[in-house]
Amino acid sequence: MKRRSLPLLALLLLFNTAASALEPVLVVTPRAQVLPVSATNRPFLAAGQALQRVDLPARGYVESELRVSGRAKVYDWAPAGDAVTPRADAPYVTRILVRQPKDAARFSGRVIVELLDAAAGYDSAPLWGLSWDYFMKHGDAWVGVTVQPAAAAALRRFDGVRYAAMSLGVAQPESCNASGAGSPLAWDALAQVGALLRSSSKENPLLALNPQRFIAAGYGQSGGYVITFANALHAWQRLGDGAPIFDGYLSAVATHAAPVNPCAPALAADDAHAGVQLRDVPFVMVLGESAAQAATPLRDDSDAPGDVFRLYKAAGLENSGAFAAGQPAAADLKIAGLPVPAVEPCREPRTGFPATLALNAIWQQYDDLLQHQLPMNKEPRDVPNDARSRQTCGAGIANAHPH
């Protein structure tokens, strides 16, 4: 799909009713530094050190980790009609894990930017864990981004030298009644990571690939972060030609936006900021049975210009238990002083539901949409949107960790 380069003023007029009244801005490119790797100095959640190890070199892939730094604003939700308003800024340091084909000729042109999920207090990569085999067969690049302060703290505990500079927090005002949820610097940091990956900077780890299509994605708590970013920043944080940072979004096992900062009050179910709003790129929401039944009424599918939206329901997704490749090994959790999850923490047994196949089909259709403008399938919704009848393992996790 060719990128559209609308003038910034036209973009502002087009999206003013659904997004922020802030003037569109050029997203700055952050600084990035490759972190060395050795037997005693390695990334947390490296593919070869996960709960299920993936041999990237055997598949023609390489992995790198970069420290990314810049300055990010803290945002608050603004009155109706606006999305967010900035109130401060602060320095941040995060990290990205990058997995890409060694041979650029194998590259599909697509980059999956996964917001690493820290619902358990440390980084995990559920979407990589579910679809790693498909991504590599397809020739995709994958980038995992640490976005939450709790994960940054866990990284420092894992390796106090390698991750000494990691920081995604900021001092909150005395009046703050912090909920503990939300990452105050995540939004600009994510936008700047996207700008870096699209830039001609020598610090761009994907520079040799010439990527064409970027999808920001998250699972569980990080799925809520994807909704917040798409609602709050997408319309006005732009590249130099006026194009958006990301060409599409995918949120899995999350039904509404995450807090925009730890002091922000929880959004009401009918708050306009909570659900997926209009934007000029596609948005795909994937819900398991538990999340779908526990959710407030969800919006209908759409192919309208400026509002391409799909909702897919995959029964059993939350407790399929099939993403060990996206989970850290027990040994690494112990190094970081973190509790090792029980083999079966849920009151319902893990199932053999083929969540991987369902997600892979969605990824394939998503690329057909972005490359060839082929509409994604619409599936009948046989479970009422307002159902509340069943609480399973996935729903329990969702309720314990706000999305």
Protein backbone atom coordinates (compact mmCIF):
# COMPACT_ATOMS: atom_id res chain seq x y z
CA MET A 1 0.00 0.00 0.00
CA LYS A 2 1.44 3.36 -0.98
CA ARG A 3 1.74 5.84 1.82
CA ARG A 4 -0.58 8.84 1.69
CA SER A 5 0.98 12.24 2.26
CA LEU A 6 -1.87 14.56 3.16
CA PRO A 7 -0.88 18.05 4.30
CA LEU A 8 -0.87 18.37 8.06
CA LEU A 9 -3.63 20.97 8.00
CA ALA A 10 -5.87 18.63 6.02
CA LEU A 11 -5.19 15.86 8.49
CA LEU A 12 -6.10 18.14 11.37
CA LEU A 13 -9.42 19.09 9.75
CA LEU A 14 -10.18 15.47 8.86
CA PHE A 15 -9.70 14.07 12.35
CA ASN A 16 -10.51 17.03 14.58
CA THR A 17 -13.89 15.60 15.61
CA ALA A 18 -12.46 12.29 16.77
CA ALA A 19 -9.00 13.13 18.01
CA SER A 20 -6.97 15.75 19.71
CA ALA A 21 -7.27 19.44 18.85
CA LEU A 22 -3.51 19.67 19.30
CA GLU A 23 -1.70 20.76 16.15
CA PRO A 24 -0.16 17.82 14.28
CA VAL A 25 3.50 17.54 15.17
CA LEU A 26 6.56 15.94 13.65
CA VAL A 27 7.66 13.06 15.85
CA VAL A 28 11.32 13.32 16.74
CA THR A 29 13.69 10.41 16.22
CA PRO A 30 15.16 9.16 19.50
CA ARG A 31 18.71 8.03 20.07
CA ALA A 32 19.39 4.31 19.86
CA GLN A 33 22.37 2.22 20.85
CA VAL A 34 22.90 -1.49 20.17
CA LEU A 35 23.56 -3.41 23.38
CA PRO A 36 26.31 -6.05 23.23
CA VAL A 37 25.50 -9.71 23.68
CA SER A 38 27.69 -12.39 25.22
CA ALA A 39 27.27 -15.50 27.33
CA THR A 40 27.07 -13.33 30.45
CA ASN A 41 25.52 -10.19 28.95
CA ARG A 42 22.29 -10.92 27.14
CA PRO A 43 18.76 -9.57 26.69
CA PHE A 44 15.89 -10.46 28.97
CA LEU A 45 13.33 -12.42 26.91
CA ALA A 46 15.86 -13.25 24.19
CA ALA A 47 14.40 -15.77 21.73
CA GLY A 48 16.99 -18.37 22.60
CA GLN A 49 16.42 -17.97 26.34
CA ALA A 50 12.60 -17.98 26.51
CA LEU A 51 10.46 -20.62 28.20
CA GLN A 52 10.21 -22.19 24.73
CA ARG A 53 13.47 -21.48 22.96
CA VAL A 54 13.37 -20.43 19.31
CA ASP A 55 16.51 -20.97 17.25
CA LEU A 56 16.52 -17.80 15.16
CA PRO A 57 19.77 -18.46 13.24
CA ALA A 58 18.43 -21.84 12.09
CA ARG A 59 15.50 -19.97 10.56
CA GLY A 60 17.65 -17.30 8.91
CA TYR A 61 16.81 -14.64 11.52
CA VAL A 62 18.97 -12.42 13.70
CA GLU A 63 18.18 -10.71 16.99
CA SER A 64 19.45 -7.45 18.44
CA GLU A 65 18.60 -5.32 21.43
CA LEU A 66 18.84 -1.53 21.49
CA ARG A 67 18.63 1.04 24.23
CA VAL A 68 16.35 3.89 23.07
CA SER A 69 16.28 7.28 24.78
CA GLY A 70 14.53 10.61 24.37
CA ARG A 71 12.02 12.90 26.04
CA ALA A 72 8.31 12.15 26.41
CA LYS A 73 5.31 14.17 27.50
CA VAL A 74 2.89 13.19 30.24
CA TYR A 75 -0.72 13.42 29.06
CA ASP A 76 -4.14 13.83 30.64
CA TRP A 77 -7.48 13.12 29.02
CA ALA A 78 -8.97 16.38 27.83
CA PRO A 79 -12.65 17.42 27.73
CA ALA A 80 -15.01 15.90 25.19
CA GLY A 81 -13.92 16.66 21.65
CA ASP A 82 -10.23 16.43 22.48
CA ALA A 83 -8.15 13.35 23.16
CA VAL A 84 -5.27 14.42 25.37
CA THR A 85 -3.50 17.48 26.65
CA PRO A 86 0.19 17.50 27.68
CA ARG A 87 1.12 18.73 31.15
CA ALA A 88 4.83 17.92 31.51
CA ASP A 89 7.71 16.13 29.89
CA ALA A 90 10.57 14.01 31.14
CA PRO A 91 13.49 11.92 29.87
CA TYR A 92 12.93 8.23 29.26
CA VAL A 93 15.13 5.23 28.46
CA THR A 94 13.59 2.02 27.16
CA ARG A 95 14.73 -0.97 25.15
CA ILE A 96 13.59 -2.72 21.99
CA LEU A 97 14.13 -6.33 20.95
CA VAL A 98 14.43 -6.72 17.17
CA ARG A 99 14.08 -9.97 15.22
CA GLN A 100 14.50 -9.75 11.46
CA PRO A 101 15.52 -11.83 8.44
CA LYS A 102 19.27 -11.92 8.00
CA ASP A 103 18.78 -11.80 4.23
CA ALA A 104 16.87 -8.65 3.28
CA ALA A 105 15.54 -10.44 0.17
CA ARG A 106 13.42 -12.60 2.49
CA PHE A 107 11.78 -9.62 4.16
CA SER A 108 8.02 -9.29 3.63
CA GLY A 109 7.99 -5.52 4.08
CA ARG A 110 5.93 -5.78 7.28
CA VAL A 111 7.01 -4.97 10.83
CA ILE A 112 5.01 -6.09 13.86
CA VAL A 113 5.71 -3.69 16.74
CA GLU A 114 4.55 -5.51 19.87
CA LEU A 115 4.09 -3.56 23.09
CA LEU A 116 5.53 -6.04 25.55
CA ASP A 117 3.00 -6.99 28.21
CA ALA A 118 3.95 -6.47 31.85
CA ALA A 119 0.74 -7.56 33.56
CA ALA A 120 2.81 -9.98 35.64
CA GLY A 121 5.41 -7.32 36.52
CA TYR A 122 7.91 -8.16 33.76
CA ASP A 123 8.06 -8.21 29.97
CA SER A 124 6.38 -10.99 28.04
CA ALA A 125 5.53 -11.20 24.33
CA PRO A 126 2.28 -13.16 23.90
CA LEU A 127 1.77 -12.25 20.24
CA TRP A 128 5.28 -13.34 19.34
CA GLY A 129 4.71 -16.47 21.41
CA LEU A 130 1.56 -17.32 19.47
CA SER A 131 2.70 -16.44 15.94
CA TRP A 132 6.53 -16.61 15.84
CA ASP A 133 6.55 -19.47 13.34
CA TYR A 134 4.17 -17.63 11.01
CA PHE A 135 6.11 -14.36 11.27
CA MET A 136 9.34 -16.07 10.21
CA LYS A 137 7.74 -18.11 7.41
CA HIS A 138 6.13 -14.92 6.15
CA GLY A 139 9.41 -12.99 6.37
CA ASP A 140 8.16 -10.38 8.84
CA ALA A 141 10.29 -8.35 11.20
CA TRP A 142 9.22 -8.21 14.84
CA VAL A 143 10.07 -5.49 17.36
CA GLY A 144 9.21 -5.80 21.05
CA VAL A 145 9.06 -2.53 23.02
CA THR A 146 9.23 -2.20 26.80
CA VAL A 147 6.55 0.34 27.70
CA GLN A 148 5.78 -0.07 31.40
CA PRO A 149 7.69 1.14 34.49
CA ALA A 150 7.24 -2.21 36.24
CA ALA A 151 8.97 -3.97 33.37
CA ALA A 152 11.81 -1.43 33.42
CA ALA A 153 12.29 -2.13 37.13
CA ALA A 154 12.34 -5.88 36.49
CA LEU A 155 14.98 -5.41 33.80
CA ARG A 156 17.19 -3.49 36.24
CA ARG A 157 16.86 -6.35 38.73
CA PHE A 158 17.72 -8.89 36.03
CA ASP A 159 20.92 -7.08 35.01
CA GLY A 160 21.79 -3.94 36.93
CA VAL A 161 24.58 -3.03 34.51
CA ARG A 162 22.97 -3.74 31.14
CA TYR A 163 19.71 -2.05 32.11
CA ALA A 164 20.97 0.52 34.62
CA ALA A 165 19.59 3.46 32.64
CA MET A 166 16.12 2.02 32.04
CA SER A 167 13.47 4.53 33.13
CA LEU A 168 9.84 4.96 32.12
CA GLY A 169 8.52 6.63 35.26
CA VAL A 170 8.09 10.23 36.33
CA ALA A 171 7.35 11.96 39.62
CA GLN A 172 3.62 12.44 40.09
CA PRO A 173 1.94 15.47 41.70
CA GLU A 174 1.06 15.22 45.39
CA SER A 175 -2.62 15.29 44.48
CA CYS A 176 -2.23 12.09 42.45
CA ASN A 177 -4.33 9.17 43.61
CA ALA A 178 -2.23 6.71 41.65
CA SER A 179 -4.01 3.57 40.53
CA GLY A 180 -0.74 1.81 39.80
CA ALA A 181 -1.86 1.26 36.21
CA GLY A 182 -0.73 3.22 33.21
CA SER A 183 2.67 4.27 31.94
CA PRO A 184 3.09 8.05 31.84
CA LEU A 185 5.86 8.16 29.22
CA ALA A 186 4.81 5.22 27.05
CA TRP A 187 2.94 7.19 24.41
CA ASP A 188 5.66 9.49 23.09
CA ALA A 189 8.24 6.75 23.59
CA LEU A 190 6.23 4.38 21.36
CA ALA A 191 5.72 7.07 18.71
CA GLN A 192 9.43 7.84 18.71
CA VAL A 193 10.36 4.16 18.42
CA GLY A 194 8.08 4.01 15.38
CA ALA A 195 9.73 7.10 13.91
CA LEU A 196 13.17 5.56 14.47
CA LEU A 197 12.17 2.35 12.68
CA ARG A 198 10.90 4.36 9.70
CA SER A 199 13.86 6.73 9.58
CA SER A 200 17.04 6.88 7.51
CA SER A 201 19.09 7.13 10.70
CA LYS A 202 22.14 4.90 10.93
CA GLU A 203 20.81 3.95 14.37
CA ASN A 204 17.70 2.36 12.80
CA PRO A 205 18.11 -1.43 13.21
CA LEU A 206 15.81 -2.04 10.21
CA LEU A 207 17.57 0.37 7.88
CA ALA A 208 18.80 -2.34 5.50
CA LEU A 209 15.30 -3.79 5.12
CA ASN A 210 13.43 -0.71 3.87
CA PRO A 211 10.20 -1.65 5.71
CA GLN A 212 6.87 -0.59 4.22
CA ARG A 213 4.10 -1.56 6.66
CA PHE A 214 4.04 -1.16 10.43
CA ILE A 215 1.40 -2.61 12.76
CA ALA A 216 1.41 -1.68 16.46
CA ALA A 217 0.01 -4.58 18.48
CA GLY A 218 -0.53 -5.70 22.06
CA TYR A 219 -2.09 -8.53 24.03
CA GLY A 220 -3.91 -8.24 27.36
CA GLN A 221 -2.89 -5.16 29.31
CA SER A 222 -0.75 -3.99 26.40
CA GLY A 223 -3.75 -4.38 24.09
CA GLY A 224 -5.35 -1.61 26.14
CA TYR A 225 -2.21 0.48 25.58
CA VAL A 226 -2.68 0.05 21.82
CA ILE A 227 -6.23 1.42 22.08
CA THR A 228 -5.06 4.40 24.14
CA PHE A 229 -2.26 5.21 21.71
CA ALA A 230 -4.56 4.93 18.67
CA ASN A 231 -7.17 7.17 20.32
CA ALA A 232 -4.87 9.73 21.90
CA LEU A 233 -1.83 10.18 19.67
CA HIS A 234 -2.39 8.62 16.27
CA ALA A 235 -4.15 11.51 14.57
CA TRP A 236 -1.64 14.22 15.37
CA GLN A 237 1.76 12.57 15.84
CA ARG A 238 3.05 12.39 12.28
CA LEU A 239 6.03 11.72 10.04
CA GLY A 240 7.61 14.46 7.96
CA ASP A 241 5.30 13.81 4.98
CA GLY A 242 2.20 13.97 7.18
CA ALA A 243 1.76 10.19 7.21
CA PRO A 244 0.97 8.31 10.44
CA ILE A 245 3.60 6.50 12.47
CA PHE A 246 1.75 3.17 12.21
CA ASP A 247 -0.23 1.76 9.27
CA GLY A 248 -2.56 -0.23 11.49
CA TYR A 249 -3.26 -1.51 15.00
CA LEU A 250 -4.15 -4.85 16.55
CA SER A 251 -5.40 -5.22 20.12
CA ALA A 252 -5.91 -8.71 21.55
CA VAL A 253 -7.78 -9.66 24.75
CA ALA A 254 -8.48 -6.02 25.68
CA THR A 255 -11.80 -4.25 25.34
CA HIS A 256 -11.04 -0.65 26.28
CA ALA A 257 -8.27 1.92 26.61
CA ALA A 258 -5.61 1.77 29.30
CA PRO A 259 -5.16 4.73 31.69
CA VAL A 260 -3.36 7.60 29.98
CA ASN A 261 -1.28 8.07 33.14
CA PRO A 262 -1.26 6.52 36.64
CA CYS A 263 -3.15 9.49 38.11
CA ALA A 264 -5.96 9.45 35.56
CA PRO A 265 -9.30 8.18 36.86
CA ALA A 266 -10.67 5.02 35.33
CA LEU A 267 -12.72 5.69 32.23
CA ALA A 268 -16.43 4.94 32.34
CA ALA A 269 -17.57 2.22 29.98
CA ASP A 270 -19.46 4.76 27.87
CA ASP A 271 -16.64 7.33 27.82
CA ALA A 272 -15.72 8.22 24.24
CA HIS A 273 -12.04 7.79 25.08
CA ALA A 274 -12.49 4.18 26.17
CA GLY A 275 -13.51 2.56 22.88
CA VAL A 276 -11.81 2.45 19.49
CA GLN A 277 -12.26 5.81 17.75
CA LEU A 278 -12.00 6.93 14.14
CA ARG A 279 -8.57 7.00 12.54
CA ASP A 280 -7.15 6.82 9.00
CA VAL A 281 -5.66 3.31 9.36
CA PRO A 282 -7.28 -0.07 10.13
CA PHE A 283 -7.87 -1.29 13.67
CA VAL A 284 -8.40 -4.97 14.49
CA MET A 285 -9.64 -6.17 17.89
CA VAL A 286 -9.34 -9.85 18.81
CA LEU A 287 -11.19 -11.09 21.89
CA GLY A 288 -11.30 -14.44 23.59
CA GLU A 289 -14.57 -15.80 24.85
CA SER A 290 -14.07 -14.52 28.39
CA ALA A 291 -13.20 -10.96 27.41
CA ALA A 292 -16.02 -10.83 24.87
CA GLN A 293 -18.60 -11.94 27.41
CA ALA A 294 -17.31 -9.61 30.12
CA ALA A 295 -17.12 -6.62 27.80
CA THR A 296 -19.45 -3.68 27.48
CA PRO A 297 -21.30 -3.44 24.14
CA LEU A 298 -18.76 -3.49 21.34
CA ARG A 299 -18.85 -1.60 18.08
CA ASP A 300 -19.78 -3.10 14.74
CA ASP A 301 -17.35 -3.90 11.95
CA SER A 302 -16.77 -1.14 9.44
CA ASP A 303 -15.21 -0.62 6.02
CA ALA A 304 -16.05 3.08 5.91
CA PRO A 305 -13.30 5.40 4.69
CA GLY A 306 -11.30 6.52 7.70
CA ASP A 307 -12.86 3.86 9.93
CA VAL A 308 -11.81 0.34 8.93
CA PHE A 309 -12.52 -1.83 11.97
CA ARG A 310 -12.83 -5.55 12.65
CA LEU A 311 -13.73 -7.46 15.79
CA TYR A 312 -12.92 -11.17 15.91
CA LYS A 313 -13.93 -13.48 18.73
CA ALA A 314 -11.83 -16.59 19.33
CA ALA A 315 -13.27 -18.84 22.01
CA GLY A 316 -10.62 -20.08 24.43
CA LEU A 317 -7.95 -17.62 23.34
CA GLU A 318 -7.03 -16.44 26.84
CA ASN A 319 -6.42 -19.89 28.29
CA SER A 320 -4.98 -21.64 25.25
CA GLY A 321 -1.58 -21.62 26.95
CA ALA A 322 0.27 -21.66 23.64
CA PHE A 323 2.72 -18.76 23.89
CA ALA A 324 5.68 -20.17 25.84
CA ALA A 325 8.05 -18.68 23.24
CA GLY A 326 6.93 -15.27 24.46
CA GLN A 327 7.51 -15.97 28.15
CA PRO A 328 10.81 -15.61 30.05
CA ALA A 329 12.48 -18.77 31.30
CA ALA A 330 12.12 -19.60 34.98
CA ALA A 331 15.87 -19.21 35.48
CA ASP A 332 15.75 -15.60 34.28
CA LEU A 333 12.80 -14.80 36.54
CA LYS A 334 14.78 -16.15 39.47
CA ILE A 335 17.78 -14.00 38.54
CA ALA A 336 15.49 -10.96 38.64
CA GLY A 337 14.05 -12.04 42.00
CA LEU A 338 10.62 -12.54 40.44
CA PRO A 339 8.18 -15.33 41.30
CA VAL A 340 7.99 -18.18 38.85
CA PRO A 341 4.37 -18.73 37.76
CA ALA A 342 2.73 -21.99 38.74
CA VAL A 343 2.39 -24.49 35.95
CA GLU A 344 -1.40 -24.14 36.12
CA PRO A 345 -2.46 -20.96 37.92
CA CYS A 346 -6.00 -20.94 36.49
CA ARG A 347 -8.98 -22.80 37.78
CA GLU A 348 -9.78 -24.01 34.27
CA PRO A 349 -7.29 -26.30 32.52
CA ARG A 350 -5.28 -25.06 29.60
CA THR A 351 -6.88 -26.10 26.35
CA GLY A 352 -5.70 -27.23 22.97
CA PHE A 353 -7.58 -24.41 21.26
CA PRO A 354 -5.57 -23.48 18.15
CA ALA A 355 -5.25 -19.77 18.97
CA THR A 356 -2.10 -19.66 16.87
CA LEU A 357 -4.02 -20.63 13.73
CA ALA A 358 -6.73 -18.07 14.40
CA LEU A 359 -4.24 -15.26 14.90
CA ASN A 360 -2.12 -16.29 11.93
CA ALA A 361 -5.18 -16.10 9.68
CA ILE A 362 -5.90 -12.60 11.00
CA TRP A 363 -2.28 -11.51 10.39
CA GLN A 364 -2.48 -12.82 6.82
CA GLN A 365 -5.75 -11.02 6.10
CA TYR A 366 -4.34 -7.87 7.66
CA ASP A 367 -1.43 -7.91 5.22
CA ASP A 368 -3.76 -8.55 2.29
CA LEU A 369 -5.68 -5.46 3.37
CA LEU A 370 -2.61 -3.24 3.70
CA GLN A 371 -0.93 -4.47 0.51
CA HIS A 372 -3.82 -5.17 -1.81
CA GLN A 373 -6.82 -3.41 -0.22
CA LEU A 374 -8.64 -6.74 0.09
CA PRO A 375 -11.32 -6.40 2.81
CA MET A 376 -10.87 -8.57 5.87
CA ASN A 377 -13.53 -11.21 6.51
CA LYS A 378 -16.57 -10.31 8.56
CA GLU A 379 -17.65 -13.07 10.92
CA PRO A 380 -21.09 -13.41 12.56
CA ARG A 381 -21.15 -12.65 16.27
CA ASP A 382 -23.03 -15.46 17.92
CA VAL A 383 -22.42 -14.22 21.49
CA PRO A 384 -24.36 -11.10 22.55
CA ASN A 385 -22.07 -8.15 23.22
CA ASP A 386 -23.64 -7.51 26.62
CA ALA A 387 -23.29 -11.10 27.91
CA ARG A 388 -21.81 -11.40 31.38
CA SER A 389 -22.51 -15.04 32.07
CA ARG A 390 -19.11 -16.71 32.25
CA GLN A 391 -15.90 -15.96 34.12
CA THR A 392 -12.93 -18.09 33.04
CA CYS A 393 -9.21 -17.97 33.66
CA GLY A 394 -8.67 -15.27 31.04
CA ALA A 395 -11.40 -13.09 32.50
CA GLY A 396 -9.90 -13.44 35.96
CA ILE A 397 -6.52 -12.30 34.69
CA ALA A 398 -8.15 -9.44 32.79
CA ASN A 399 -9.97 -8.22 35.88
CA ALA A 400 -6.84 -8.45 38.02
CA HIS A 401 -4.82 -6.37 35.58
CA PRO A 402 -6.85 -3.46 34.12
CA HIS A 403 -6.67 -3.09 30.37
